[in-house]
Amino acid sequence: MRSAIHHVCIAVRDFDWYVDFFSNVFEMTVERTRGEKPSRILWFAQGIQINEMSEDLHMTQPAVCDHISIGVDMDPEEAAGIAIAHGCRPVDGKGAHWFALPNDVLIELKPLR
């Protein structure tokens, strides 16, 4: 199966700083946004997603990887089934195109662009 990184999502406390950083340092273009403070989400056209995390979630780091999205050239649910058969685990409430690696990093599968 052919694949490529679709996007990488990071969960951050200082949402505005991260938006400014990726916009100005890397000249990334905002593709879309959703939600209101303290749970905003922003997608850059270049494959970075930023999820705002509120202070009450007790994050110990200023940013963490929320999930990695991989584009695949087959049905994402079928590809996730292959990953699960290979030792990954399904993720409740996320959909059949999501799974978790053994170290609990979440993977979301999307159609290959």
C-alpha atoms as a PDB file:
ATOM      1  CA  MET A   1       0.000   0.000   0.000  1.00  0.00           C
ATOM      2  CA  ARG A   2       1.289   3.478  -0.828  1.00  0.00           C
ATOM      3  CA  SER A   3       1.156   6.005   1.982  1.00  0.00           C
ATOM      4  CA  ALA A   4       2.181   9.520   2.973  1.00  0.00           C
ATOM      5  CA  ILE A   5       1.840  11.688   6.043  1.00  0.00           C
ATOM      6  CA  HIS A   6      -1.537  13.391   5.752  1.00  0.00           C
ATOM      7  CA  HIS A   7      -1.069  15.668   8.767  1.00  0.00           C
ATOM      8  CA  VAL A   8       0.439  15.802  12.227  1.00  0.00           C
ATOM      9  CA  CYS A   9      -1.648  17.191  15.067  1.00  0.00           C
ATOM     10  CA  ILE A  10      -0.169  18.770  18.167  1.00  0.00           C
ATOM     11  CA  ALA A  11      -2.072  19.648  21.315  1.00  0.00           C
ATOM     12  CA  VAL A  12      -0.899  22.948  22.780  1.00  0.00           C
ATOM     13  CA  ARG A  13      -1.636  25.256  25.689  1.00  0.00           C
ATOM     14  CA  ASP A  14      -0.433  28.481  24.017  1.00  0.00           C
ATOM     15  CA  PHE A  15      -2.585  28.194  20.889  1.00  0.00           C
ATOM     16  CA  ASP A  16      -2.024  31.744  19.616  1.00  0.00           C
ATOM     17  CA  TRP A  17       1.774  31.410  19.868  1.00  0.00           C
ATOM     18  CA  TYR A  18       1.746  28.227  17.776  1.00  0.00           C
ATOM     19  CA  VAL A  19      -0.529  29.750  15.140  1.00  0.00           C
ATOM     20  CA  ASP A  20       1.746  32.792  14.935  1.00  0.00           C
ATOM     21  CA  PHE A  21       4.868  30.609  14.820  1.00  0.00           C
ATOM     22  CA  PHE A  22       3.774  28.373  11.946  1.00  0.00           C
ATOM     23  CA  SER A  23       2.181  31.286  10.071  1.00  0.00           C
ATOM     24  CA  ASN A  24       5.163  33.607  10.295  1.00  0.00           C
ATOM     25  CA  VAL A  25       8.216  31.373  10.524  1.00  0.00           C
ATOM     26  CA  PHE A  26       7.154  28.800   7.921  1.00  0.00           C
ATOM     27  CA  GLU A  27       4.604  30.970   6.078  1.00  0.00           C
ATOM     28  CA  MET A  28       1.947  28.275   6.436  1.00  0.00           C
ATOM     29  CA  THR A  29      -1.564  29.026   5.220  1.00  0.00           C
ATOM     30  CA  VAL A  30      -4.601  28.514   7.441  1.00  0.00           C
ATOM     31  CA  GLU A  31      -6.913  26.075   5.687  1.00  0.00           C
ATOM     32  CA  ARG A  32      -9.748  26.020   8.235  1.00  0.00           C
ATOM     33  CA  THR A  33     -10.596  26.518  11.890  1.00  0.00           C
ATOM     34  CA  ARG A  34     -13.192  25.191  14.298  1.00  0.00           C
ATOM     35  CA  GLY A  35     -14.300  25.908  17.846  1.00  0.00           C
ATOM     36  CA  GLU A  36     -13.808  28.683  20.356  1.00  0.00           C
ATOM     37  CA  LYS A  37     -11.342  29.295  23.170  1.00  0.00           C
ATOM     38  CA  PRO A  38     -10.364  27.142  25.102  1.00  0.00           C
ATOM     39  CA  SER A  39     -10.897  24.348  22.575  1.00  0.00           C
ATOM     40  CA  ARG A  40      -9.984  25.812  19.192  1.00  0.00           C
ATOM     41  CA  ILE A  41      -8.695  23.686  16.317  1.00  0.00           C
ATOM     42  CA  LEU A  42      -6.779  24.987  13.322  1.00  0.00           C
ATOM     43  CA  TRP A  43      -5.547  23.218  10.193  1.00  0.00           C
ATOM     44  CA  PHE A  44      -2.722  24.560   8.048  1.00  0.00           C
ATOM     45  CA  ALA A  45      -2.757  23.597   4.360  1.00  0.00           C
ATOM     46  CA  GLN A  46       0.802  22.270   4.793  1.00  0.00           C
ATOM     47  CA  GLY A  47      -0.243  19.369   7.051  1.00  0.00           C
ATOM     48  CA  ILE A  48      -0.048  20.708  10.602  1.00  0.00           C
ATOM     49  CA  GLN A  49      -3.118  20.668  12.849  1.00  0.00           C
ATOM     50  CA  ILE A  50      -3.148  22.511  16.182  1.00  0.00           C
ATOM     51  CA  ASN A  51      -5.592  21.556  18.952  1.00  0.00           C
ATOM     52  CA  GLU A  52      -5.922  23.959  21.867  1.00  0.00           C
ATOM     53  CA  MET A  53      -5.811  22.263  25.250  1.00  0.00           C
ATOM     54  CA  SER A  54      -7.138  24.067  28.298  1.00  0.00           C
ATOM     55  CA  GLU A  55      -4.966  24.588  31.373  1.00  0.00           C
ATOM     56  CA  ASP A  56      -7.207  22.313  33.452  1.00  0.00           C
ATOM     57  CA  LEU A  57      -5.974  19.250  31.530  1.00  0.00           C
ATOM     58  CA  HIS A  58      -2.733  19.386  33.565  1.00  0.00           C
ATOM     59  CA  MET A  59      -0.394  18.939  30.630  1.00  0.00           C
ATOM     60  CA  THR A  60       3.173  18.626  31.865  1.00  0.00           C
ATOM     61  CA  GLN A  61       4.681  19.797  28.561  1.00  0.00           C
ATOM     62  CA  PRO A  62       3.830  22.906  26.536  1.00  0.00           C
ATOM     63  CA  ALA A  63       2.943  20.767  23.482  1.00  0.00           C
ATOM     64  CA  VAL A  64       2.350  17.099  22.816  1.00  0.00           C
ATOM     65  CA  CYS A  65       1.654  15.070  19.694  1.00  0.00           C
ATOM     66  CA  ASP A  66      -2.076  14.423  19.616  1.00  0.00           C
ATOM     67  CA  HIS A  67      -2.064  12.093  16.606  1.00  0.00           C
ATOM     68  CA  ILE A  68      -0.439  11.357  13.274  1.00  0.00           C
ATOM     69  CA  SER A  69      -2.664  11.164  10.221  1.00  0.00           C
ATOM     70  CA  ILE A  70      -1.452   9.011   7.333  1.00  0.00           C
ATOM     71  CA  GLY A  71      -2.928   9.074   3.839  1.00  0.00           C
ATOM     72  CA  VAL A  72      -3.307   5.603   2.299  1.00  0.00           C
ATOM     73  CA  ASP A  73      -4.184   4.427  -1.210  1.00  0.00           C
ATOM     74  CA  MET A  74      -6.843   1.980  -0.019  1.00  0.00           C
ATOM     75  CA  ASP A  75      -9.945   2.167   2.153  1.00  0.00           C
ATOM     76  CA  PRO A  76      -8.790   3.732   5.457  1.00  0.00           C
ATOM     77  CA  GLU A  77     -10.939   1.375   7.536  1.00  0.00           C
ATOM     78  CA  GLU A  78      -9.505  -1.646   5.727  1.00  0.00           C
ATOM     79  CA  ALA A  79      -5.955  -0.350   6.231  1.00  0.00           C
ATOM     80  CA  ALA A  80      -6.660   0.208   9.946  1.00  0.00           C
ATOM     81  CA  GLY A  81      -7.820  -3.417  10.139  1.00  0.00           C
ATOM     82  CA  ILE A  82      -4.471  -4.514   8.749  1.00  0.00           C
ATOM     83  CA  ALA A  83      -2.672  -2.428  11.391  1.00  0.00           C
ATOM     84  CA  ILE A  84      -4.846  -3.877  14.162  1.00  0.00           C
ATOM     85  CA  ALA A  85      -4.139  -7.393  12.918  1.00  0.00           C
ATOM     86  CA  HIS A  86      -0.444  -6.482  13.110  1.00  0.00           C
ATOM     87  CA  GLY A  87      -0.647  -5.718  16.846  1.00  0.00           C
ATOM     88  CA  CYS A  88      -2.152  -2.235  17.113  1.00  0.00           C
ATOM     89  CA  ARG A  89      -5.381  -1.651  19.011  1.00  0.00           C
ATOM     90  CA  PRO A  90      -8.672  -0.051  17.956  1.00  0.00           C
ATOM     91  CA  VAL A  91      -9.648   3.250  19.571  1.00  0.00           C
ATOM     92  CA  ASP A  92     -13.163   3.497  20.998  1.00  0.00           C
ATOM     93  CA  GLY A  93     -15.219   6.470  19.887  1.00  0.00           C
ATOM     94  CA  LYS A  94     -12.876   7.613  17.098  1.00  0.00           C
ATOM     95  CA  GLY A  95     -14.062   5.530  14.151  1.00  0.00           C
ATOM     96  CA  ALA A  96     -12.795   2.461  12.352  1.00  0.00           C
ATOM     97  CA  HIS A  97     -10.079   4.491  10.576  1.00  0.00           C
ATOM     98  CA  TRP A  98      -8.263   5.152  13.870  1.00  0.00           C
ATOM     99  CA  PHE A  99      -5.936   2.878  15.840  1.00  0.00           C
ATOM    100  CA  ALA A 100      -3.264   3.156  18.526  1.00  0.00           C
ATOM    101  CA  LEU A 101       0.305   1.981  18.318  1.00  0.00           C
ATOM    102  CA  PRO A 102       1.607  -0.130  21.216  1.00  0.00           C
ATOM    103  CA  ASN A 103       3.030   3.044  22.829  1.00  0.00           C
ATOM    104  CA  ASP A 104      -0.460   4.657  22.620  1.00  0.00           C
ATOM    105  CA  VAL A 105       0.371   7.132  19.826  1.00  0.00           C
ATOM    106  CA  LEU A 106      -2.866   7.577  17.894  1.00  0.00           C
ATOM    107  CA  ILE A 107      -2.939   7.079  14.126  1.00  0.00           C
ATOM    108  CA  GLU A 108      -5.735   8.392  11.895  1.00  0.00           C
ATOM    109  CA  LEU A 109      -5.944   7.069   8.334  1.00  0.00           C
ATOM    110  CA  LYS A 110      -7.231   9.231   5.465  1.00  0.00           C
ATOM    111  CA  PRO A 111      -7.448   8.754   1.703  1.00  0.00           C
ATOM    112  CA  LEU A 112      -4.115   9.486   0.035  1.00  0.00           C
ATOM    113  CA  ARG A 113      -4.103  12.988  -1.484  1.00  0.00           C
END
